[in-house]
Each structure stands twice: as structure tokens, then as C-alpha cells.
Amino acid sequence: MKTAEENQKWSKNRKFLAGYAIALFSMALILIIMSYLSQMKSENQIQRLNEQLSTTQGSIKKIESLSELTTAQADKIEELTKGLEEAKGKIKDLEQKNTEYSQATGETGIYAKTVKAYEYFWQLEKNYRTKYYKKTREIMKEFEAGEYQQFLSAEAAAEYLKIKTALNK
């Protein structure tokens, strides 16, 4: 049998072991809680980084889109510049033909009348499109009084007739 001394010693060891076990479990619980908090912090950081990545990818797509648009606009500018150069060439040809015609026939002013006809037509079209119908009618009277219709191209004459028909409704 056990003696009182051994019981007392065993009781002390038991208390020590119980305290030791509680301390170990407490430390384990603290470590688990710290691990959980660390994991939550890491997940929040990952989420923020994913959001930043999405924003960055969206910005990159916008930049690529703007780059494509810029390239398309540069191509369009180049195309328009070529068209302008062609138009300048055609104007020079027309001026030359007008000069030759004037010299051959003795008539002058056909080129000037053509230019004037297109100036009137441009004013007509501009005022019609901006819905200044009263001003459009006034310009149309001057245009018809000067008999400038014959100096318009077929396309311009057709557009002139559309405007005239629309205003007479």
C-alpha cells in the first residue's frame, strides 16, 4: 500500500502534470488562433492583390484598345492625306483645263462660276443640315438667280434637288 508520503508526492506530481497539460493546451490554442489570424490576413492580402491585378488587366486592355484606335486614326489620317493630295492634283488639272478652255474659246470665268456654285451649295447644305431653313431658302434664291446649277456635279445636283424638294414640302 501507499504511504501518506507517496500519496502526497503523487498528488503534487498530479497537480504539476495537470498544470503542465493545461499550459500545453493553452499554448496550442494560442498557436491555432494566431495561425487562423495569420491565414485571414494572408487571404485579405491575396484578395487585394487579385483586385489590383484585375484593375491592372483592365487598364492594359484599355491601353491596348486606345493603341488600336490610335493606329486606326493614324491610318485614316494617312488615307485622308492621300485623298487631299489627289484632290489637289485634280484641282490643278481642272485649273489647267479651264485655262486651256478659256484660251481656246475666249470665255473666262467658268472656273470662278464653278467655285461660286460650290460655295453656294456648301452654304445651302450647311444651313439645311443645321436647320436654318429661312437662310437656306434665301441662299437658294441667290443660287438660282445666278444660274449656278449647271456648274454642279451630278451628285451635288442630286443633293441640291433633295434639299429643294424637302424645303418645298
Protein backbone atom coordinates (compact mmCIF):
# COMPACT_ATOMS: atom_id res chain seq x y z
CA MET A 1 0.00 0.00 0.00
CA LYS A 2 0.90 3.51 -0.45
CA THR A 3 2.07 5.61 2.27
CA ALA A 4 0.93 9.07 3.03
CA GLU A 5 4.19 10.45 1.75
CA GLU A 6 3.80 8.74 -1.59
CA ASN A 7 0.18 9.98 -1.82
CA GLN A 8 1.28 13.47 -1.15
CA LYS A 9 4.10 13.22 -3.69
CA TRP A 10 1.71 11.70 -6.23
CA SER A 11 -0.80 14.50 -5.56
CA LYS A 12 1.90 17.13 -6.17
CA ASN A 13 3.03 15.41 -9.38
CA ARG A 14 -0.58 15.19 -10.49
CA LYS A 15 -1.15 18.86 -9.88
CA PHE A 16 2.07 19.65 -11.73
CA LEU A 17 1.12 17.41 -14.66
CA ALA A 18 -2.39 18.91 -14.80
CA GLY A 19 -0.94 22.44 -14.83
CA TYR A 20 1.62 21.38 -17.42
CA ALA A 21 -1.11 19.84 -19.65
CA ILE A 22 -3.28 22.96 -19.29
CA ALA A 23 -0.30 25.16 -20.20
CA LEU A 24 0.47 22.99 -23.26
CA PHE A 25 -3.17 23.02 -24.43
CA SER A 26 -3.32 26.80 -23.84
CA MET A 27 -0.18 27.30 -25.91
CA ALA A 28 -1.60 25.04 -28.63
CA LEU A 29 -4.86 27.02 -28.61
CA ILE A 30 -2.94 30.33 -28.81
CA LEU A 31 -0.89 28.98 -31.73
CA ILE A 32 -4.05 27.81 -33.51
CA ILE A 33 -5.67 31.24 -33.04
CA MET A 34 -2.52 33.01 -34.24
CA SER A 35 -2.37 30.70 -37.27
CA TYR A 36 -6.02 31.45 -38.07
CA LEU A 37 -5.46 35.22 -37.80
CA SER A 38 -2.34 34.97 -39.97
CA GLN A 39 -4.26 32.96 -42.57
CA MET A 40 -7.09 35.55 -42.59
CA LYS A 41 -4.55 38.34 -43.08
CA SER A 42 -2.92 36.42 -45.95
CA GLU A 43 -6.29 35.83 -47.61
CA ASN A 44 -7.11 39.54 -47.35
CA GLN A 45 -3.76 40.41 -48.93
CA ILE A 46 -4.33 37.87 -51.72
CA GLN A 47 -7.80 39.32 -52.33
CA ARG A 48 -6.38 42.87 -52.54
CA LEU A 49 -3.65 41.69 -54.91
CA ASN A 50 -6.26 39.95 -57.10
CA GLU A 51 -8.30 43.17 -57.20
CA GLN A 52 -5.19 45.15 -58.16
CA LEU A 53 -4.37 42.56 -60.81
CA SER A 54 -7.90 42.82 -62.25
CA THR A 55 -7.65 46.61 -62.29
CA THR A 56 -4.25 46.42 -63.96
CA GLN A 57 -5.51 43.95 -66.57
CA GLY A 58 -8.48 46.24 -67.26
CA SER A 59 -6.11 49.17 -67.67
CA ILE A 60 -3.91 47.15 -70.01
CA LYS A 61 -6.96 46.24 -72.13
CA LYS A 62 -7.97 49.91 -72.27
CA ILE A 63 -4.44 50.90 -73.27
CA GLU A 64 -4.43 48.23 -75.99
CA SER A 65 -7.81 49.45 -77.19
CA LEU A 66 -6.58 53.05 -77.27
CA SER A 67 -3.45 51.93 -79.07
CA GLU A 68 -5.54 50.18 -81.72
CA LEU A 69 -7.76 53.26 -82.01
CA THR A 70 -4.70 55.48 -82.38
CA THR A 71 -3.33 53.21 -85.07
CA ALA A 72 -6.68 53.23 -86.88
CA GLN A 73 -6.82 57.02 -86.65
CA ALA A 74 -3.26 57.32 -87.94
CA ASP A 75 -4.22 55.10 -90.88
CA LYS A 76 -7.31 57.22 -91.51
CA ILE A 77 -5.23 60.42 -91.37
CA GLU A 78 -2.80 58.92 -93.87
CA GLU A 79 -5.69 57.91 -96.12
CA LEU A 80 -7.24 61.38 -95.88
CA THR A 81 -3.88 62.99 -96.57
CA LYS A 82 -3.54 60.89 -99.73
CA GLY A 83 -7.09 61.88 -100.70
CA LEU A 84 -6.23 65.53 -100.13
CA GLU A 85 -3.15 65.22 -102.31
CA GLU A 86 -5.25 63.58 -105.03
CA ALA A 87 -7.85 66.36 -104.73
CA LYS A 88 -5.11 68.99 -105.03
CA GLY A 89 -3.88 67.23 -108.16
CA LYS A 90 -7.38 67.18 -109.61
CA ILE A 91 -7.80 70.88 -108.84
CA LYS A 92 -4.56 71.65 -110.65
CA ASP A 93 -5.77 69.57 -113.61
CA LEU A 94 -9.10 71.41 -113.63
CA GLU A 95 -7.37 74.77 -113.41
CA GLN A 96 -5.16 73.76 -116.34
CA LYS A 97 -8.16 72.56 -118.35
CA ASN A 98 -10.03 75.77 -117.51
CA THR A 99 -7.07 77.84 -118.66
CA GLU A 100 -6.82 75.82 -121.87
CA TYR A 101 -10.56 76.12 -122.44
CA SER A 102 -10.52 79.85 -121.76
CA GLN A 103 -7.65 80.32 -124.18
CA ALA A 104 -9.30 78.17 -126.85
CA THR A 105 -12.79 79.66 -126.61
CA GLY A 106 -12.07 83.12 -125.35
CA GLU A 107 -14.51 82.56 -122.44
CA THR A 108 -13.35 83.36 -118.96
CA GLY A 109 -14.90 82.82 -115.59
CA ILE A 110 -16.13 79.23 -115.91
CA TYR A 111 -13.80 78.13 -113.15
CA ALA A 112 -14.85 81.09 -111.00
CA LYS A 113 -18.52 80.28 -111.59
CA THR A 114 -17.91 76.64 -110.67
CA VAL A 115 -16.19 77.70 -107.47
CA LYS A 116 -19.02 80.12 -106.69
CA ALA A 117 -21.60 77.37 -107.39
CA TYR A 118 -19.91 75.07 -104.89
CA GLU A 119 -19.63 77.86 -102.32
CA TYR A 120 -23.38 78.41 -102.60
CA PHE A 121 -24.01 74.68 -102.47
CA TRP A 122 -21.85 74.33 -99.35
CA GLN A 123 -23.73 77.17 -97.64
CA LEU A 124 -27.05 75.64 -98.67
CA GLU A 125 -26.12 72.25 -97.31
CA LYS A 126 -24.65 73.64 -94.08
CA ASN A 127 -27.71 75.77 -93.33
CA TYR A 128 -30.08 72.95 -94.24
CA ARG A 129 -28.29 70.45 -92.01
CA THR A 130 -28.26 72.91 -89.10
CA LYS A 131 -31.99 73.54 -89.70
CA TYR A 132 -31.69 77.22 -90.67
CA TYR A 133 -34.38 76.80 -93.31
CA LYS A 134 -35.09 80.52 -93.79
CA LYS A 135 -31.43 81.22 -94.51
CA THR A 136 -31.32 78.13 -96.76
CA ARG A 137 -34.24 79.47 -98.84
CA GLU A 138 -32.52 82.88 -99.20
CA ILE A 139 -29.29 81.26 -100.40
CA MET A 140 -31.28 79.04 -102.76
CA LYS A 141 -32.89 82.13 -104.38
CA GLU A 142 -29.46 83.69 -104.96
CA PHE A 143 -28.15 80.37 -106.26
CA GLU A 144 -30.97 80.01 -108.76
CA ALA A 145 -30.80 83.67 -109.79
CA GLY A 146 -27.14 83.22 -110.71
CA GLU A 147 -27.94 80.03 -112.63
CA TYR A 148 -25.20 78.14 -110.82
CA GLN A 149 -26.95 74.75 -111.02
CA GLN A 150 -25.27 73.91 -114.32
CA PHE A 151 -21.83 74.10 -112.68
CA LEU A 152 -22.55 71.38 -110.09
CA SER A 153 -21.56 67.75 -110.48
CA ALA A 154 -24.30 65.14 -110.87
CA GLU A 155 -24.02 64.10 -107.22
CA ALA A 156 -24.14 67.69 -105.96
CA ALA A 157 -27.07 68.49 -108.27
CA ALA A 158 -28.97 65.46 -106.94
CA GLU A 159 -28.32 66.56 -103.34
CA TYR A 160 -29.43 70.10 -104.25
CA LEU A 161 -32.71 68.73 -105.60
CA LYS A 162 -33.27 66.71 -102.42
CA ILE A 163 -32.81 69.84 -100.30
CA LYS A 164 -35.04 71.88 -102.61
CA THR A 165 -37.77 69.22 -102.52
CA ALA A 166 -37.57 68.93 -98.73
CA LEU A 167 -37.87 72.71 -98.29
CA ASN A 168 -40.87 72.92 -100.64
CA LYS A 169 -42.89 70.40 -98.62
